[in-house]
């Protein structure tokens, strides 16, 4: 997998931060399935570009200034792995929010077809066959 693919994924996160959802959709296959972490209130996947839009809208409803920082981005087990940190302030409480996740992205036809969220990097690496 090329550096170009990694930069495409990074650009999607950067577009998310700018609130440019249409640009954030560019690296995502129209049939994307985005699977939330197992401890999320909703664990069913968000499907397609409309599903991604709903997921983002829900997150922004709770944390309007939500931002994501890509702390690490690499290829493992034929997937793109992104270790990310989300932060912002809760809409109603104003309380700081900080969440660390690792996203495992599988590609098809040069686009991200599936993303699975993991709370621990170790779990994500195990999912791509690099566990101990």
N, C-alpha and C. Protein backbone atom coordinates (compact mmCIF):
# COMPACT_ATOMS: atom_id res chain seq x y z
N UNK A 1 0.85 -1.17 0.00
CA UNK A 1 0.00 0.00 0.00
C UNK A 1 0.90 1.23 0.00
N UNK A 2 0.50 2.22 -0.74
CA UNK A 2 1.38 3.36 -0.97
C UNK A 2 1.20 4.49 0.04
N UNK A 3 2.16 5.36 0.04
CA UNK A 3 2.10 6.58 0.86
C UNK A 3 0.90 7.41 0.42
N UNK A 4 0.55 7.33 -0.85
CA UNK A 4 -0.59 8.07 -1.38
C UNK A 4 -1.89 7.67 -0.66
N UNK A 5 -2.04 6.39 -0.37
CA UNK A 5 -3.23 5.91 0.34
C UNK A 5 -3.26 6.48 1.75
N UNK A 6 -2.12 6.47 2.42
CA UNK A 6 -2.05 7.03 3.78
C UNK A 6 -2.41 8.52 3.77
N UNK A 7 -1.92 9.24 2.79
CA UNK A 7 -2.21 10.67 2.71
C UNK A 7 -3.69 10.91 2.39
N UNK A 8 -4.29 10.03 1.60
CA UNK A 8 -5.72 10.14 1.29
C UNK A 8 -6.53 9.99 2.58
N UNK A 9 -6.16 9.02 3.41
CA UNK A 9 -6.86 8.80 4.67
C UNK A 9 -6.64 10.00 5.61
N UNK A 10 -5.42 10.47 5.69
CA UNK A 10 -5.12 11.63 6.55
C UNK A 10 -5.94 12.85 6.10
N UNK A 11 -6.04 13.04 4.80
CA UNK A 11 -6.82 14.18 4.27
C UNK A 11 -8.28 14.08 4.67
N UNK A 12 -8.82 12.86 4.76
CA UNK A 12 -10.20 12.68 5.21
C UNK A 12 -10.39 13.16 6.64
N UNK A 13 -9.46 12.82 7.52
CA UNK A 13 -9.53 13.30 8.91
C UNK A 13 -9.40 14.83 8.97
N UNK A 14 -8.51 15.39 8.17
CA UNK A 14 -8.33 16.84 8.15
C UNK A 14 -9.61 17.55 7.67
N UNK A 15 -10.27 16.97 6.68
CA UNK A 15 -11.52 17.55 6.18
C UNK A 15 -12.60 17.48 7.27
N UNK A 16 -12.62 16.40 8.02
CA UNK A 16 -13.54 16.27 9.15
C UNK A 16 -13.35 17.43 10.12
N UNK A 17 -12.11 17.74 10.43
CA UNK A 17 -11.82 18.83 11.36
C UNK A 17 -12.31 20.18 10.84
N UNK A 18 -12.26 20.36 9.54
CA UNK A 18 -12.73 21.62 8.95
C UNK A 18 -14.26 21.65 8.80
N UNK A 19 -14.89 20.51 9.07
CA UNK A 19 -16.34 20.43 8.88
C UNK A 19 -16.74 20.25 7.44
N UNK A 20 -15.78 19.88 6.60
CA UNK A 20 -16.02 19.69 5.17
C UNK A 20 -16.33 18.21 4.91
N UNK A 21 -17.55 17.82 5.22
CA UNK A 21 -17.92 16.41 5.18
C UNK A 21 -17.85 15.86 3.76
N UNK A 22 -18.18 16.66 2.76
CA UNK A 22 -18.13 16.15 1.38
C UNK A 22 -16.70 15.77 1.00
N UNK A 23 -15.72 16.55 1.45
CA UNK A 23 -14.32 16.21 1.18
C UNK A 23 -13.90 15.01 2.04
N UNK A 24 -14.42 14.95 3.28
CA UNK A 24 -14.12 13.81 4.15
C UNK A 24 -14.64 12.50 3.55
N UNK A 25 -15.68 12.59 2.75
CA UNK A 25 -16.25 11.39 2.10
C UNK A 25 -15.40 10.90 0.94
N UNK A 26 -14.54 11.73 0.39
CA UNK A 26 -13.77 11.38 -0.81
C UNK A 26 -13.02 10.05 -0.69
N UNK A 27 -12.35 9.76 0.44
CA UNK A 27 -11.63 8.49 0.50
C UNK A 27 -12.54 7.30 0.83
N UNK A 28 -13.83 7.56 1.10
CA UNK A 28 -14.73 6.49 1.53
C UNK A 28 -15.51 5.92 0.35
N UNK A 29 -15.49 4.61 0.22
CA UNK A 29 -16.26 3.90 -0.80
C UNK A 29 -17.75 4.19 -0.57
N UNK A 30 -18.56 4.30 -1.60
CA UNK A 30 -19.99 4.54 -1.40
C UNK A 30 -20.67 3.48 -0.52
N UNK A 31 -20.09 2.28 -0.47
CA UNK A 31 -20.67 1.20 0.36
C UNK A 31 -19.94 1.03 1.69
N UNK A 32 -19.30 2.10 2.17
CA UNK A 32 -18.56 2.05 3.43
C UNK A 32 -19.43 1.49 4.56
N UNK A 33 -18.80 0.71 5.42
CA UNK A 33 -19.41 0.30 6.69
C UNK A 33 -18.47 0.77 7.79
N UNK A 34 -18.99 1.64 8.66
CA UNK A 34 -18.19 2.18 9.77
C UNK A 34 -18.74 1.58 11.05
N UNK A 35 -17.94 0.73 11.68
CA UNK A 35 -18.33 0.00 12.89
C UNK A 35 -17.82 0.72 14.13
N UNK A 36 -18.72 1.22 14.98
CA UNK A 36 -18.30 1.87 16.22
C UNK A 36 -17.61 0.88 17.17
N UNK A 37 -16.89 1.42 18.13
CA UNK A 37 -16.25 0.59 19.15
C UNK A 37 -17.33 -0.19 19.90
N UNK A 38 -16.95 -1.34 20.43
CA UNK A 38 -17.89 -2.25 21.09
C UNK A 38 -18.57 -1.64 22.30
N UNK A 39 -17.98 -0.61 22.92
CA UNK A 39 -18.58 -0.02 24.11
C UNK A 39 -19.43 1.22 23.81
N UNK A 40 -19.64 1.51 22.55
CA UNK A 40 -20.48 2.64 22.16
C UNK A 40 -21.96 2.30 22.38
N UNK A 41 -22.81 3.32 22.60
CA UNK A 41 -24.24 3.04 22.75
C UNK A 41 -24.86 2.40 21.51
N UNK A 42 -24.38 2.79 20.34
CA UNK A 42 -24.82 2.20 19.07
C UNK A 42 -23.65 1.39 18.53
N UNK A 43 -23.87 0.11 18.33
CA UNK A 43 -22.77 -0.73 17.81
C UNK A 43 -23.04 -1.25 16.41
N UNK A 44 -24.23 -0.98 15.87
CA UNK A 44 -24.50 -1.35 14.49
C UNK A 44 -23.69 -0.44 13.58
N UNK A 45 -23.30 -0.94 12.41
CA UNK A 45 -22.48 -0.11 11.53
C UNK A 45 -23.29 1.03 10.90
N UNK A 46 -22.59 2.10 10.60
CA UNK A 46 -23.13 3.18 9.78
C UNK A 46 -22.78 2.80 8.35
N UNK A 47 -23.79 2.72 7.49
CA UNK A 47 -23.57 2.22 6.13
C UNK A 47 -23.72 3.32 5.09
N UNK A 48 -22.78 3.32 4.15
CA UNK A 48 -22.84 4.26 3.04
C UNK A 48 -22.48 5.68 3.45
N UNK A 49 -22.44 6.55 2.46
CA UNK A 49 -22.11 7.95 2.73
C UNK A 49 -23.15 8.60 3.63
N UNK A 50 -24.43 8.24 3.46
CA UNK A 50 -25.45 8.81 4.33
C UNK A 50 -25.27 8.35 5.78
N UNK A 51 -24.88 7.12 5.96
CA UNK A 51 -24.59 6.62 7.30
C UNK A 51 -23.44 7.37 7.95
N UNK A 52 -22.40 7.64 7.17
CA UNK A 52 -21.27 8.41 7.69
C UNK A 52 -21.73 9.81 8.09
N UNK A 53 -22.56 10.44 7.25
CA UNK A 53 -23.08 11.76 7.59
C UNK A 53 -23.87 11.73 8.90
N UNK A 54 -24.69 10.69 9.10
CA UNK A 54 -25.47 10.56 10.34
C UNK A 54 -24.55 10.39 11.55
N UNK A 55 -23.50 9.58 11.37
CA UNK A 55 -22.55 9.37 12.46
C UNK A 55 -21.90 10.69 12.87
N UNK A 56 -21.43 11.44 11.88
CA UNK A 56 -20.77 12.72 12.16
C UNK A 56 -21.75 13.69 12.80
N UNK A 57 -22.97 13.76 12.28
CA UNK A 57 -23.97 14.67 12.84
C UNK A 57 -24.25 14.34 14.30
N UNK A 58 -24.34 13.05 14.64
CA UNK A 58 -24.57 12.65 16.02
C UNK A 58 -23.42 13.04 16.93
N UNK A 59 -22.21 12.85 16.45
CA UNK A 59 -21.04 13.23 17.25
C UNK A 59 -20.99 14.74 17.46
N UNK A 60 -21.27 15.50 16.41
CA UNK A 60 -21.23 16.96 16.50
C UNK A 60 -22.40 17.51 17.33
N UNK A 61 -23.48 16.76 17.39
CA UNK A 61 -24.60 17.18 18.24
C UNK A 61 -24.17 17.15 19.70
N UNK A 62 -23.46 16.10 20.08
CA UNK A 62 -23.01 15.95 21.47
C UNK A 62 -21.80 16.83 21.79
N UNK A 63 -20.88 16.95 20.83
CA UNK A 63 -19.64 17.71 21.02
C UNK A 63 -19.44 18.58 19.78
N UNK A 64 -20.04 19.78 19.76
CA UNK A 64 -20.05 20.60 18.55
C UNK A 64 -18.67 20.96 18.00
N UNK A 65 -17.67 21.09 18.87
CA UNK A 65 -16.33 21.49 18.42
C UNK A 65 -15.39 20.29 18.30
N UNK A 66 -15.95 19.10 18.16
CA UNK A 66 -15.15 17.88 18.13
C UNK A 66 -14.08 17.93 17.04
N UNK A 67 -12.86 17.62 17.42
CA UNK A 67 -11.72 17.57 16.52
C UNK A 67 -11.04 16.22 16.66
N UNK A 68 -10.28 15.85 15.63
CA UNK A 68 -9.54 14.60 15.67
C UNK A 68 -8.09 14.87 15.28
N UNK A 69 -7.20 14.26 16.02
CA UNK A 69 -5.76 14.35 15.73
C UNK A 69 -5.27 12.95 15.39
N UNK A 70 -4.63 12.82 14.24
CA UNK A 70 -4.03 11.54 13.87
C UNK A 70 -2.66 11.49 14.54
N UNK A 71 -2.54 10.60 15.50
CA UNK A 71 -1.28 10.47 16.24
C UNK A 71 -0.32 9.52 15.55
N UNK A 72 -0.87 8.55 14.85
CA UNK A 72 -0.05 7.55 14.16
C UNK A 72 -0.88 7.00 13.01
N UNK A 73 -0.24 6.80 11.86
CA UNK A 73 -0.92 6.29 10.67
C UNK A 73 0.04 5.38 9.94
N UNK A 74 -0.38 4.11 9.75
CA UNK A 74 0.52 3.15 9.12
C UNK A 74 -0.28 2.02 8.49
N UNK A 75 0.42 1.20 7.73
CA UNK A 75 -0.18 0.03 7.10
C UNK A 75 0.20 -1.19 7.91
N UNK A 76 -0.79 -2.05 8.17
CA UNK A 76 -0.55 -3.30 8.90
C UNK A 76 -1.56 -4.32 8.43
N UNK A 77 -1.09 -5.51 8.11
CA UNK A 77 -1.99 -6.58 7.72
C UNK A 77 -2.85 -6.23 6.51
N UNK A 78 -2.32 -5.41 5.61
CA UNK A 78 -3.07 -5.01 4.43
C UNK A 78 -4.13 -3.96 4.69
N UNK A 79 -4.13 -3.37 5.88
CA UNK A 79 -5.10 -2.33 6.26
C UNK A 79 -4.37 -1.05 6.63
N UNK A 80 -5.11 0.04 6.62
CA UNK A 80 -4.59 1.30 7.15
C UNK A 80 -5.03 1.38 8.61
N UNK A 81 -4.08 1.64 9.49
CA UNK A 81 -4.35 1.76 10.91
C UNK A 81 -4.09 3.21 11.32
N UNK A 82 -5.09 3.81 11.95
CA UNK A 82 -4.97 5.20 12.40
C UNK A 82 -5.22 5.26 13.90
N UNK A 83 -4.20 5.66 14.63
CA UNK A 83 -4.35 5.91 16.07
C UNK A 83 -4.73 7.38 16.19
N UNK A 84 -5.92 7.63 16.75
CA UNK A 84 -6.45 8.99 16.77
C UNK A 84 -6.86 9.41 18.17
N UNK A 85 -6.90 10.72 18.35
CA UNK A 85 -7.39 11.32 19.60
C UNK A 85 -8.46 12.33 19.22
N UNK A 86 -9.65 12.14 19.77
CA UNK A 86 -10.74 13.09 19.61
C UNK A 86 -10.79 13.97 20.84
N UNK A 87 -11.11 15.24 20.66
CA UNK A 87 -11.30 16.11 21.80
C UNK A 87 -12.26 17.24 21.45
N UNK A 88 -12.83 17.80 22.49
CA UNK A 88 -13.76 18.92 22.36
C UNK A 88 -14.43 19.15 23.70
N UNK A 89 -15.58 19.84 23.68
CA UNK A 89 -16.34 20.11 24.90
C UNK A 89 -17.80 19.72 24.67
N UNK A 90 -18.37 19.07 25.67
CA UNK A 90 -19.76 18.65 25.59
C UNK A 90 -20.70 19.82 25.38
N UNK A 91 -21.69 19.64 24.52
CA UNK A 91 -22.64 20.71 24.20
C UNK A 91 -23.32 21.25 25.45
N UNK A 92 -23.91 20.39 26.22
CA UNK A 92 -24.70 20.84 27.37
C UNK A 92 -23.87 21.16 28.59
N UNK A 93 -22.87 20.34 28.86
CA UNK A 93 -22.10 20.48 30.10
C UNK A 93 -20.89 21.39 29.96
N UNK A 94 -20.36 21.49 28.74
CA UNK A 94 -19.11 22.22 28.56
C UNK A 94 -17.90 21.46 29.06
N UNK A 95 -18.14 20.24 29.54
CA UNK A 95 -17.04 19.42 30.08
C UNK A 95 -16.12 18.97 28.95
N UNK A 96 -14.82 18.94 29.24
CA UNK A 96 -13.89 18.46 28.22
C UNK A 96 -14.12 16.98 27.90
N UNK A 97 -13.98 16.66 26.63
CA UNK A 97 -14.12 15.29 26.14
C UNK A 97 -12.80 14.93 25.45
N UNK A 98 -12.28 13.77 25.79
CA UNK A 98 -11.08 13.27 25.11
C UNK A 98 -11.22 11.77 24.98
N UNK A 99 -11.09 11.28 23.75
CA UNK A 99 -11.25 9.86 23.46
C UNK A 99 -10.10 9.42 22.56
N UNK A 100 -9.46 8.34 22.94
CA UNK A 100 -8.42 7.74 22.10
C UNK A 100 -9.01 6.49 21.46
N UNK A 101 -8.79 6.34 20.17
CA UNK A 101 -9.26 5.18 19.43
C UNK A 101 -8.21 4.78 18.42
N UNK A 102 -8.32 3.55 17.95
CA UNK A 102 -7.55 3.10 16.81
C UNK A 102 -8.54 2.61 15.77
N UNK A 103 -8.43 3.16 14.58
CA UNK A 103 -9.31 2.80 13.48
C UNK A 103 -8.55 1.88 12.52
N UNK A 104 -9.20 0.80 12.14
CA UNK A 104 -8.65 -0.12 11.14
C UNK A 104 -9.50 0.02 9.90
N UNK A 105 -8.87 0.44 8.81
CA UNK A 105 -9.58 0.68 7.55
C UNK A 105 -9.15 -0.35 6.51
N UNK A 106 -10.15 -1.00 5.93
CA UNK A 106 -9.92 -1.92 4.81
C UNK A 106 -10.31 -1.20 3.53
N UNK A 107 -9.55 -1.46 2.48
CA UNK A 107 -9.79 -0.77 1.23
C UNK A 107 -10.30 -1.71 0.13
N UNK A 108 -11.05 -1.13 -0.77
CA UNK A 108 -11.48 -1.82 -2.00
C UNK A 108 -11.50 -0.77 -3.11
N UNK A 109 -10.93 -1.11 -4.22
CA UNK A 109 -10.91 -0.19 -5.38
C UNK A 109 -10.32 1.17 -5.03
N UNK A 110 -9.32 1.18 -4.15
CA UNK A 110 -8.65 2.42 -3.79
C UNK A 110 -9.41 3.31 -2.83
N UNK A 111 -10.51 2.79 -2.26
CA UNK A 111 -11.33 3.56 -1.31
C UNK A 111 -11.52 2.75 -0.03
N UNK A 112 -11.78 3.44 1.06
CA UNK A 112 -12.03 2.78 2.34
C UNK A 112 -13.43 2.17 2.30
N UNK A 113 -13.52 0.85 2.43
CA UNK A 113 -14.79 0.14 2.38
C UNK A 113 -15.30 -0.21 3.78
N UNK A 114 -14.38 -0.29 4.75
CA UNK A 114 -14.78 -0.64 6.11
C UNK A 114 -13.84 0.01 7.11
N UNK A 115 -14.41 0.53 8.19
CA UNK A 115 -13.63 1.03 9.32
C UNK A 115 -14.19 0.38 10.57
N UNK A 116 -13.28 -0.12 11.40
CA UNK A 116 -13.66 -0.64 12.71
C UNK A 116 -12.89 0.14 13.76
N UNK A 117 -13.61 0.57 14.77
CA UNK A 117 -13.02 1.35 15.86
C UNK A 117 -12.66 0.43 17.02
N UNK A 118 -11.48 0.67 17.59
CA UNK A 118 -11.03 -0.08 18.76
C UNK A 118 -10.55 0.93 19.80
N UNK A 119 -10.81 0.64 21.05
CA UNK A 119 -10.34 1.51 22.13
C UNK A 119 -8.84 1.35 22.37
N UNK A 120 -8.33 0.15 22.13
CA UNK A 120 -6.91 -0.12 22.38
C UNK A 120 -6.21 -0.48 21.07
N UNK A 121 -5.04 0.09 20.91
CA UNK A 121 -4.23 -0.20 19.72
C UNK A 121 -3.93 -1.69 19.64
N UNK A 122 -3.69 -2.32 20.78
CA UNK A 122 -3.37 -3.75 20.80
C UNK A 122 -4.51 -4.58 20.19
N UNK A 123 -5.75 -4.21 20.50
CA UNK A 123 -6.90 -4.92 19.94
C UNK A 123 -6.98 -4.73 18.43
N UNK A 124 -6.68 -3.54 17.97
CA UNK A 124 -6.70 -3.26 16.53
C UNK A 124 -5.63 -4.07 15.81
N UNK A 125 -4.44 -4.13 16.40
CA UNK A 125 -3.37 -4.90 15.79
C UNK A 125 -3.69 -6.39 15.77
N UNK A 126 -4.33 -6.87 16.82
CA UNK A 126 -4.75 -8.27 16.84
C UNK A 126 -5.77 -8.53 15.71
N UNK A 127 -6.64 -7.56 15.47
CA UNK A 127 -7.66 -7.70 14.42
C UNK A 127 -7.05 -7.81 13.03
N UNK A 128 -5.87 -7.23 12.84
CA UNK A 128 -5.23 -7.31 11.52
C UNK A 128 -4.15 -8.40 11.49
N UNK A 129 -4.15 -9.25 12.53
CA UNK A 129 -3.24 -10.39 12.53
C UNK A 129 -1.87 -10.14 13.08
N UNK A 130 -1.71 -9.03 13.82
CA UNK A 130 -0.40 -8.70 14.37
C UNK A 130 -0.35 -8.80 15.88
N UNK A 131 -1.33 -9.49 16.46
CA UNK A 131 -1.35 -9.67 17.92
C UNK A 131 -0.28 -10.64 18.36
N UNK A 132 -0.09 -10.67 19.66
CA UNK A 132 0.94 -11.57 20.22
C UNK A 132 0.47 -12.98 20.31
